[in-house]
Structures are given as structure tokens and as C-alpha cells.
Amino acid sequence: MIINEFIDSKLLEKYLSQEKRDYLGASGLGDECARRIQYQYMHKEPKIKATTIRTFDIGHCLEDLVAQWLIDAGFGLRTRDENDQQFGFSTANGKISGHVDGIIFSFPKELDCAAKMKSQGPVLWENKTMNHRSWGETAKHGVFATKFQYYVQVQLYMAYLDLNTCLFTALNKDTSELYFEIIKFDAETAQKYSDRAVDILKAIENNELLPRVAMDPNFFICKMCGFYDVCWNNN
């Protein structure tokens, strides 16, 4: 067995042995396909590649790096609470939950926006890493237009943590460029996707499968989905 194949097999083995989530995560509730969210909650086993696992792991490591850059620049960023746990929320008897990247409690006074941001109170911090193409689209058009699932994610965080503002950071993995966007709380979106979570839980309790994102199994979102086989071949 060559080294790549050996490492890949161990990565997949570790991934498949990890404890599965027993809640709907805020990070996934903006997914275009409600059925995919169901499958994740129901612990249906998706097909996943070792390269995808490595991409996730790289993102976690780079998140810590970006956090340190902000702290070194004078941002009052905390990624853990006083008990050394991630900031987050849990509702619906623990069936809907989320963990945030961090909360900013102060801004460097040299920044023009420091006084305004201070008046907002604590600010949610959410970080993502992207390839050059994806980063460029987001930097040009903004999170709402290009990464709506992330937009929903931060809206739910702000709703449940009683925050009014999010500083969204995107790191270009190819060029190391940083993109910053201030996202304000959108109560309508937060309520809509909180209600969606409740509807998904009700459907699961009633053994109902929600509609797919498309009627055609060749639709590009379906073709790329890790639940393709269980969704289209078994139902």
C-alpha cells in the first residue's frame, strides 16, 4: 500500500469512528436541500473522500491562525468562554445547537470603525477559508449573495446569543488575502430558519422525508451530495 492510500484509509477510519451529532447544527440549516439536513441528523452515512476531511482539518487550523492574527492586532477576541468551552447555544431540548468561532469584545482604537463597533456591544466573529475563485466571488458580491448558508448560520448565532453584529472573515487559501464584512442582525431570516429547523425535526419524528432540492438525480447539487445513493437509490 502506498503512503497516500494508507493515510487516506486512516483518515476515513478516524472520521467514521467519531461520535455523530445528535442535533441540527446552525451551520447546516441554510443548506439548499432540507432532505440532506434530515439525513445528517438521522446519521445516514454519507460518502466522503479523504481530501474532503483534510480540507476540513486545514480550515480548523487556519481558523486558529486568523484568530491569533486578530488578537495580535489588538482585537479583543475570545474563542473560548471562562470554562474553556466554545461559545454557543442549544435549544429545543438540545436538538438545535451551534458553536461559534468567537466573540469580539473590543476593537483596536486605531480603527475608524472602533467607536461604532463598540456601541454595538459584543460582536460575533465567524471565519471561513475559501479557494481563490470562491473567495473572489464573496469579496466582490458579499456573503448574502454568494454564501447564503453562511449568512443563515451567523443570523441564527446572533439570534440565540442576543448579538446585533457579526464580523465575517474569509481567508483566501491560495493568496492569503483576507476579506472582512460586517453583517447586521436580520431577524426575519433568523426566524425563518429557526422555524425550518423545527419543521425538519417534526418531519423526522413523523418519519416523513422532506422534498429533495431537485426532481432530477442529475442535478448538480444532487450529483455532488454525499447522500446521493441513499437518497436516489433507496427512496
C-alpha atoms as a PDB file:
ATOM      1  CA  MET A   1       0.000   0.000   0.000  1.00  0.00           C
ATOM      2  CA  ILE A   2       1.408   3.429  -0.952  1.00  0.00           C
ATOM      3  CA  ILE A   3       1.648   6.184   1.651  1.00  0.00           C
ATOM      4  CA  ASN A   4      -1.217   8.295   0.262  1.00  0.00           C
ATOM      5  CA  GLU A   5      -3.638   5.388   0.307  1.00  0.00           C
ATOM      6  CA  PHE A   6      -2.537   4.387   3.799  1.00  0.00           C
ATOM      7  CA  ILE A   7      -3.028   7.899   5.218  1.00  0.00           C
ATOM      8  CA  ASP A   8      -6.373   8.252   3.454  1.00  0.00           C
ATOM      9  CA  SER A   9      -7.608   4.967   4.920  1.00  0.00           C
ATOM     10  CA  LYS A  10      -6.654   6.085   8.429  1.00  0.00           C
ATOM     11  CA  LEU A  11      -8.317   9.477   7.981  1.00  0.00           C
ATOM     12  CA  LEU A  12     -11.538   7.825   6.856  1.00  0.00           C
ATOM     13  CA  GLU A  13     -11.336   5.294   9.670  1.00  0.00           C
ATOM     14  CA  LYS A  14     -10.988   8.058  12.246  1.00  0.00           C
ATOM     15  CA  TYR A  15     -13.772  10.120  10.674  1.00  0.00           C
ATOM     16  CA  LEU A  16     -16.230   7.218  10.628  1.00  0.00           C
ATOM     17  CA  SER A  17     -15.451   6.327  14.250  1.00  0.00           C
ATOM     18  CA  GLN A  18     -16.232   9.800  15.582  1.00  0.00           C
ATOM     19  CA  GLU A  19     -19.366  10.353  17.630  1.00  0.00           C
ATOM     20  CA  LYS A  20     -22.184  11.606  15.420  1.00  0.00           C
ATOM     21  CA  ARG A  21     -24.038  14.827  16.108  1.00  0.00           C
ATOM     22  CA  ASP A  22     -27.379  14.361  17.809  1.00  0.00           C
ATOM     23  CA  TYR A  23     -28.648  17.831  16.928  1.00  0.00           C
ATOM     24  CA  LEU A  24     -29.345  20.098  13.984  1.00  0.00           C
ATOM     25  CA  GLY A  25     -26.382  22.440  13.660  1.00  0.00           C
ATOM     26  CA  ALA A  26     -26.844  26.104  12.811  1.00  0.00           C
ATOM     27  CA  SER A  27     -24.071  25.783  10.229  1.00  0.00           C
ATOM     28  CA  GLY A  28     -26.203  23.450   8.125  1.00  0.00           C
ATOM     29  CA  LEU A  29     -29.696  24.909   8.418  1.00  0.00           C
ATOM     30  CA  GLY A  30     -29.241  27.164   5.405  1.00  0.00           C
ATOM     31  CA  ASP A  31     -28.500  24.182   3.164  1.00  0.00           C
ATOM     32  CA  GLU A  32     -30.479  24.298  -0.078  1.00  0.00           C
ATOM     33  CA  CYS A  33     -31.718  20.733   0.441  1.00  0.00           C
ATOM     34  CA  ALA A  34     -33.851  20.043   3.526  1.00  0.00           C
ATOM     35  CA  ARG A  35     -33.614  16.305   2.955  1.00  0.00           C
ATOM     36  CA  ARG A  36     -29.831  16.427   3.194  1.00  0.00           C
ATOM     37  CA  ILE A  37     -30.180  18.105   6.600  1.00  0.00           C
ATOM     38  CA  GLN A  38     -32.510  15.272   7.624  1.00  0.00           C
ATOM     39  CA  TYR A  39     -30.051  12.605   6.551  1.00  0.00           C
ATOM     40  CA  GLN A  40     -27.269  14.237   8.563  1.00  0.00           C
ATOM     41  CA  TYR A  41     -29.440  14.326  11.678  1.00  0.00           C
ATOM     42  CA  MET A  42     -30.557  10.720  11.119  1.00  0.00           C
ATOM     43  CA  HIS A  43     -26.899   9.627  10.906  1.00  0.00           C
ATOM     44  CA  LYS A  44     -27.184   8.283   7.404  1.00  0.00           C
ATOM     45  CA  GLU A  45     -23.611   7.618   6.347  1.00  0.00           C
ATOM     46  CA  PRO A  46     -22.502   9.981   3.561  1.00  0.00           C
ATOM     47  CA  LYS A  47     -19.860   9.142   1.031  1.00  0.00           C
ATOM     48  CA  ILE A  48     -16.835  11.257   1.817  1.00  0.00           C
ATOM     49  CA  LYS A  49     -13.329  11.480   0.455  1.00  0.00           C
ATOM     50  CA  ALA A  50     -10.155  11.789   2.497  1.00  0.00           C
ATOM     51  CA  THR A  51      -9.363  15.005   0.611  1.00  0.00           C
ATOM     52  CA  THR A  52     -12.578  16.499   1.988  1.00  0.00           C
ATOM     53  CA  ILE A  53     -11.586  15.556   5.524  1.00  0.00           C
ATOM     54  CA  ARG A  54      -8.190  17.174   5.016  1.00  0.00           C
ATOM     55  CA  THR A  55      -9.882  20.319   3.724  1.00  0.00           C
ATOM     56  CA  PHE A  56     -11.999  20.480   6.902  1.00  0.00           C
ATOM     57  CA  ASP A  57      -8.926  19.960   9.089  1.00  0.00           C
ATOM     58  CA  ILE A  58      -6.971  22.653   7.250  1.00  0.00           C
ATOM     59  CA  GLY A  59      -9.872  25.051   7.750  1.00  0.00           C
ATOM     60  CA  HIS A  60      -9.840  24.442  11.520  1.00  0.00           C
ATOM     61  CA  CYS A  61      -6.096  25.079  11.706  1.00  0.00           C
ATOM     62  CA  LEU A  62      -6.313  28.248   9.617  1.00  0.00           C
ATOM     63  CA  GLU A  63      -9.177  29.488  11.787  1.00  0.00           C
ATOM     64  CA  ASP A  64      -6.871  29.391  14.806  1.00  0.00           C
ATOM     65  CA  LEU A  65      -4.247  31.267  12.816  1.00  0.00           C
ATOM     66  CA  VAL A  66      -6.637  34.035  11.736  1.00  0.00           C
ATOM     67  CA  ALA A  67      -7.878  34.345  15.327  1.00  0.00           C
ATOM     68  CA  GLN A  68      -4.318  34.852  16.508  1.00  0.00           C
ATOM     69  CA  TRP A  69      -3.711  37.481  13.814  1.00  0.00           C
ATOM     70  CA  LEU A  70      -6.714  39.437  15.084  1.00  0.00           C
ATOM     71  CA  ILE A  71      -5.653  39.104  18.704  1.00  0.00           C
ATOM     72  CA  ASP A  72      -2.110  40.212  17.851  1.00  0.00           C
ATOM     73  CA  ALA A  73      -3.589  43.246  16.058  1.00  0.00           C
ATOM     74  CA  GLY A  74      -5.417  44.293  19.222  1.00  0.00           C
ATOM     75  CA  PHE A  75      -8.887  42.824  18.733  1.00  0.00           C
ATOM     76  CA  GLY A  76     -10.485  41.723  21.995  1.00  0.00           C
ATOM     77  CA  LEU A  77     -11.386  38.364  20.504  1.00  0.00           C
ATOM     78  CA  ARG A  78     -12.209  35.360  22.642  1.00  0.00           C
ATOM     79  CA  THR A  79     -12.757  31.930  21.129  1.00  0.00           C
ATOM     80  CA  ARG A  80     -13.488  30.219  24.469  1.00  0.00           C
ATOM     81  CA  ASP A  81     -15.559  31.117  27.493  1.00  0.00           C
ATOM     82  CA  GLU A  82     -14.393  31.179  31.122  1.00  0.00           C
ATOM     83  CA  ASN A  83     -14.778  27.393  31.254  1.00  0.00           C
ATOM     84  CA  ASP A  84     -12.577  26.935  28.166  1.00  0.00           C
ATOM     85  CA  GLN A  85     -15.595  25.887  26.107  1.00  0.00           C
ATOM     86  CA  GLN A  86     -16.681  27.218  22.728  1.00  0.00           C
ATOM     87  CA  PHE A  87     -19.326  29.920  22.857  1.00  0.00           C
ATOM     88  CA  GLY A  88     -22.601  28.552  21.561  1.00  0.00           C
ATOM     89  CA  PHE A  89     -26.271  27.888  22.106  1.00  0.00           C
ATOM     90  CA  SER A  90     -28.651  24.977  22.485  1.00  0.00           C
ATOM     91  CA  THR A  91     -32.424  24.973  22.215  1.00  0.00           C
ATOM     92  CA  ALA A  92     -35.377  22.626  21.625  1.00  0.00           C
ATOM     93  CA  ASN A  93     -34.098  20.252  24.312  1.00  0.00           C
ATOM     94  CA  GLY A  94     -30.677  20.208  22.709  1.00  0.00           C
ATOM     95  CA  LYS A  95     -31.975  19.257  19.254  1.00  0.00           C
ATOM     96  CA  ILE A  96     -30.911  22.569  17.700  1.00  0.00           C
ATOM     97  CA  SER A  97     -27.467  23.823  18.552  1.00  0.00           C
ATOM     98  CA  GLY A  98     -24.479  25.790  17.345  1.00  0.00           C
ATOM     99  CA  HIS A  99     -20.917  26.698  18.297  1.00  0.00           C
ATOM    100  CA  VAL A 100     -19.400  29.973  17.174  1.00  0.00           C
ATOM    101  CA  ASP A 101     -15.832  30.748  16.152  1.00  0.00           C
ATOM    102  CA  GLY A 102     -15.573  33.587  18.621  1.00  0.00           C
ATOM    103  CA  ILE A 103     -16.890  36.819  20.099  1.00  0.00           C
ATOM    104  CA  ILE A 104     -15.141  40.185  19.845  1.00  0.00           C
ATOM    105  CA  PHE A 105     -15.478  42.301  22.980  1.00  0.00           C
ATOM    106  CA  SER A 106     -13.347  45.257  21.860  1.00  0.00           C
ATOM    107  CA  PHE A 107     -11.704  46.717  18.756  1.00  0.00           C
ATOM    108  CA  PRO A 108      -8.346  48.444  18.250  1.00  0.00           C
ATOM    109  CA  LYS A 109      -8.890  52.160  18.876  1.00  0.00           C
ATOM    110  CA  GLU A 110      -6.885  52.999  15.740  1.00  0.00           C
ATOM    111  CA  LEU A 111      -9.641  51.622  13.509  1.00  0.00           C
ATOM    112  CA  ASP A 112     -12.117  54.150  12.125  1.00  0.00           C
ATOM    113  CA  CYS A 113     -14.984  51.806  12.942  1.00  0.00           C
ATOM    114  CA  ALA A 114     -13.867  51.100  16.517  1.00  0.00           C
ATOM    115  CA  ALA A 115     -16.236  53.553  18.244  1.00  0.00           C
ATOM    116  CA  LYS A 116     -19.201  52.451  16.146  1.00  0.00           C
ATOM    117  CA  MET A 117     -18.483  48.766  16.728  1.00  0.00           C
ATOM    118  CA  LYS A 118     -18.066  49.384  20.451  1.00  0.00           C
ATOM    119  CA  SER A 119     -21.551  50.884  20.554  1.00  0.00           C
ATOM    120  CA  GLN A 120     -22.941  47.610  19.152  1.00  0.00           C
ATOM    121  CA  GLY A 121     -21.778  45.641  22.183  1.00  0.00           C
ATOM    122  CA  PRO A 122     -20.064  42.254  21.754  1.00  0.00           C
ATOM    123  CA  VAL A 123     -19.704  41.230  18.108  1.00  0.00           C
ATOM    124  CA  LEU A 124     -19.930  37.731  16.689  1.00  0.00           C
ATOM    125  CA  TRP A 125     -16.839  36.549  14.803  1.00  0.00           C
ATOM    126  CA  GLU A 126     -17.209  33.941  12.084  1.00  0.00           C
ATOM    127  CA  ASN A 127     -14.304  32.779   9.952  1.00  0.00           C
ATOM    128  CA  LYS A 128     -14.230  30.776   6.720  1.00  0.00           C
ATOM    129  CA  THR A 129     -11.430  29.649   4.426  1.00  0.00           C
ATOM    130  CA  MET A 130     -12.017  29.603   0.662  1.00  0.00           C
ATOM    131  CA  ASN A 131     -10.209  28.847  -2.560  1.00  0.00           C
ATOM    132  CA  HIS A 132      -9.305  31.753  -4.825  1.00  0.00           C
ATOM    133  CA  ARG A 133     -12.407  31.606  -7.043  1.00  0.00           C
ATOM    134  CA  SER A 134     -14.864  31.315  -4.151  1.00  0.00           C
ATOM    135  CA  TRP A 135     -13.086  33.996  -2.143  1.00  0.00           C
ATOM    136  CA  GLY A 136     -13.103  36.369  -5.119  1.00  0.00           C
ATOM    137  CA  GLU A 137     -16.852  35.973  -5.598  1.00  0.00           C
ATOM    138  CA  THR A 138     -17.521  36.617  -1.928  1.00  0.00           C
ATOM    139  CA  ALA A 139     -15.192  39.607  -1.764  1.00  0.00           C
ATOM    140  CA  LYS A 140     -16.913  41.116  -4.809  1.00  0.00           C
ATOM    141  CA  HIS A 141     -20.566  40.374  -4.076  1.00  0.00           C
ATOM    142  CA  GLY A 142     -20.780  39.724  -0.331  1.00  0.00           C
ATOM    143  CA  VAL A 143     -21.854  36.838   1.868  1.00  0.00           C
ATOM    144  CA  PHE A 144     -25.607  37.147   1.331  1.00  0.00           C
ATOM    145  CA  ALA A 145     -25.307  36.859  -2.449  1.00  0.00           C
ATOM    146  CA  THR A 146     -22.616  34.202  -2.661  1.00  0.00           C
ATOM    147  CA  LYS A 147     -22.636  32.176   0.567  1.00  0.00           C
ATOM    148  CA  PHE A 148     -26.218  32.282   1.793  1.00  0.00           C
ATOM    149  CA  GLN A 149     -25.737  29.239   4.026  1.00  0.00           C
ATOM    150  CA  TYR A 150     -23.068  31.154   5.942  1.00  0.00           C
ATOM    151  CA  TYR A 151     -25.409  34.153   6.127  1.00  0.00           C
ATOM    152  CA  VAL A 152     -28.102  31.971   7.714  1.00  0.00           C
ATOM    153  CA  GLN A 153     -25.551  30.477  10.084  1.00  0.00           C
ATOM    154  CA  VAL A 154     -24.470  33.824  11.531  1.00  0.00           C
ATOM    155  CA  GLN A 155     -28.072  35.057  11.737  1.00  0.00           C
ATOM    156  CA  LEU A 156     -29.010  32.073  13.894  1.00  0.00           C
ATOM    157  CA  TYR A 157     -25.948  32.602  16.075  1.00  0.00           C
ATOM    158  CA  MET A 158     -26.806  36.250  16.592  1.00  0.00           C
ATOM    159  CA  ALA A 159     -30.437  35.448  17.337  1.00  0.00           C
ATOM    160  CA  TYR A 160     -29.728  32.875  20.017  1.00  0.00           C
ATOM    161  CA  LEU A 161     -26.741  34.690  21.536  1.00  0.00           C
ATOM    162  CA  ASP A 162     -28.529  38.066  21.522  1.00  0.00           C
ATOM    163  CA  LEU A 163     -25.923  39.782  19.349  1.00  0.00           C
ATOM    164  CA  ASN A 164     -26.568  42.526  16.796  1.00  0.00           C
ATOM    165  CA  THR A 165     -23.474  42.417  14.601  1.00  0.00           C
ATOM    166  CA  CYS A 166     -21.115  39.887  13.048  1.00  0.00           C
ATOM    167  CA  LEU A 167     -17.619  40.445  11.729  1.00  0.00           C
ATOM    168  CA  PHE A 168     -17.264  37.854   8.976  1.00  0.00           C
ATOM    169  CA  THR A 169     -13.739  36.940   7.909  1.00  0.00           C
ATOM    170  CA  ALA A 170     -12.754  34.956   4.822  1.00  0.00           C
ATOM    171  CA  LEU A 171      -9.195  33.773   4.218  1.00  0.00           C
ATOM    172  CA  ASN A 172      -8.069  33.095   0.651  1.00  0.00           C
ATOM    173  CA  LYS A 173      -6.168  29.807   0.969  1.00  0.00           C
ATOM    174  CA  ASP A 174      -4.324  30.432  -2.301  1.00  0.00           C
ATOM    175  CA  THR A 175      -3.143  34.024  -1.794  1.00  0.00           C
ATOM    176  CA  SER A 176      -3.515  34.533   1.997  1.00  0.00           C
ATOM    177  CA  GLU A 177      -5.707  37.606   1.374  1.00  0.00           C
ATOM    178  CA  LEU A 178      -8.311  38.461   3.993  1.00  0.00           C
ATOM    179  CA  TYR A 179     -11.842  39.690   3.370  1.00  0.00           C
ATOM    180  CA  PHE A 180     -13.869  41.330   6.129  1.00  0.00           C
ATOM    181  CA  GLU A 181     -17.589  42.029   6.061  1.00  0.00           C
ATOM    182  CA  ILE A 182     -19.828  43.462   8.758  1.00  0.00           C
ATOM    183  CA  ILE A 183     -23.173  41.634   8.778  1.00  0.00           C
ATOM    184  CA  LYS A 184     -26.071  43.079  10.722  1.00  0.00           C
ATOM    185  CA  PHE A 185     -28.703  41.009  12.502  1.00  0.00           C
ATOM    186  CA  ASP A 186     -31.586  40.036  10.234  1.00  0.00           C
ATOM    187  CA  ALA A 187     -34.480  38.960  12.470  1.00  0.00           C
ATOM    188  CA  GLU A 188     -36.661  37.779   9.582  1.00  0.00           C
ATOM    189  CA  THR A 189     -34.038  35.360   8.253  1.00  0.00           C
ATOM    190  CA  ALA A 190     -33.191  34.117  11.737  1.00  0.00           C
ATOM    191  CA  GLN A 191     -36.859  33.371  12.457  1.00  0.00           C
ATOM    192  CA  LYS A 192     -37.425  31.718   9.082  1.00  0.00           C
ATOM    193  CA  TYR A 193     -34.573  29.260   9.510  1.00  0.00           C
ATOM    194  CA  SER A 194     -35.288  28.635  13.161  1.00  0.00           C
ATOM    195  CA  ASP A 195     -38.784  27.638  12.046  1.00  0.00           C
ATOM    196  CA  ARG A 196     -37.235  25.483   9.329  1.00  0.00           C
ATOM    197  CA  ALA A 197     -35.286  23.575  11.961  1.00  0.00           C
ATOM    198  CA  VAL A 198     -38.493  22.879  13.893  1.00  0.00           C
ATOM    199  CA  ASP A 199     -40.223  21.700  10.708  1.00  0.00           C
ATOM    200  CA  ILE A 200     -37.342  19.330   9.936  1.00  0.00           C
ATOM    201  CA  LEU A 201     -37.469  17.863  13.440  1.00  0.00           C
ATOM    202  CA  LYS A 202     -41.227  17.352  13.147  1.00  0.00           C
ATOM    203  CA  ALA A 203     -40.793  15.595   9.796  1.00  0.00           C
ATOM    204  CA  ILE A 204     -38.192  13.262  11.291  1.00  0.00           C
ATOM    205  CA  GLU A 205     -40.435  12.471  14.263  1.00  0.00           C
ATOM    206  CA  ASN A 206     -43.252  11.628  11.830  1.00  0.00           C
ATOM    207  CA  ASN A 207     -40.965   9.509   9.629  1.00  0.00           C
ATOM    208  CA  GLU A 208     -41.513  11.865   6.714  1.00  0.00           C
ATOM    209  CA  LEU A 209     -38.845  12.660   4.144  1.00  0.00           C
ATOM    210  CA  LEU A 210     -38.873  16.270   3.033  1.00  0.00           C
ATOM    211  CA  PRO A 211     -38.601  17.119  -0.684  1.00  0.00           C
ATOM    212  CA  ARG A 212     -35.233  16.971  -2.399  1.00  0.00           C
ATOM    213  CA  VAL A 213     -33.674  20.147  -3.745  1.00  0.00           C
ATOM    214  CA  ALA A 214     -34.404  18.860  -7.282  1.00  0.00           C
ATOM    215  CA  MET A 215     -36.524  16.329  -9.121  1.00  0.00           C
ATOM    216  CA  ASP A 216     -33.696  15.206 -11.395  1.00  0.00           C
ATOM    217  CA  PRO A 217     -30.952  12.940  -9.985  1.00  0.00           C
ATOM    218  CA  ASN A 218     -28.542  14.554 -12.452  1.00  0.00           C
ATOM    219  CA  PHE A 219     -28.991  17.981 -10.883  1.00  0.00           C
ATOM    220  CA  PHE A 220     -25.515  19.257  -9.986  1.00  0.00           C
ATOM    221  CA  ILE A 221     -26.228  19.678  -6.264  1.00  0.00           C
ATOM    222  CA  CYS A 222     -27.512  16.111  -6.076  1.00  0.00           C
ATOM    223  CA  LYS A 223     -24.581  14.700  -8.024  1.00  0.00           C
ATOM    224  CA  MET A 224     -22.145  16.247  -5.548  1.00  0.00           C
ATOM    225  CA  CYS A 225     -24.067  15.178  -2.442  1.00  0.00           C
ATOM    226  CA  GLY A 226     -22.622  12.529  -0.153  1.00  0.00           C
ATOM    227  CA  PHE A 227     -26.135  11.179   0.406  1.00  0.00           C
ATOM    228  CA  TYR A 228     -26.820  10.657  -3.299  1.00  0.00           C
ATOM    229  CA  ASP A 229     -27.042   6.857  -3.111  1.00  0.00           C
ATOM    230  CA  VAL A 230     -29.283   6.643  -0.068  1.00  0.00           C
ATOM    231  CA  CYS A 231     -31.491   9.436  -1.390  1.00  0.00           C
ATOM    232  CA  TRP A 232     -31.997   8.410  -5.009  1.00  0.00           C
ATOM    233  CA  ASN A 233     -31.463   4.650  -4.916  1.00  0.00           C
ATOM    234  CA  ASN A 234     -33.423   3.841  -1.765  1.00  0.00           C
ATOM    235  CA  ASN A 235     -36.274   6.336  -1.942  1.00  0.00           C
END
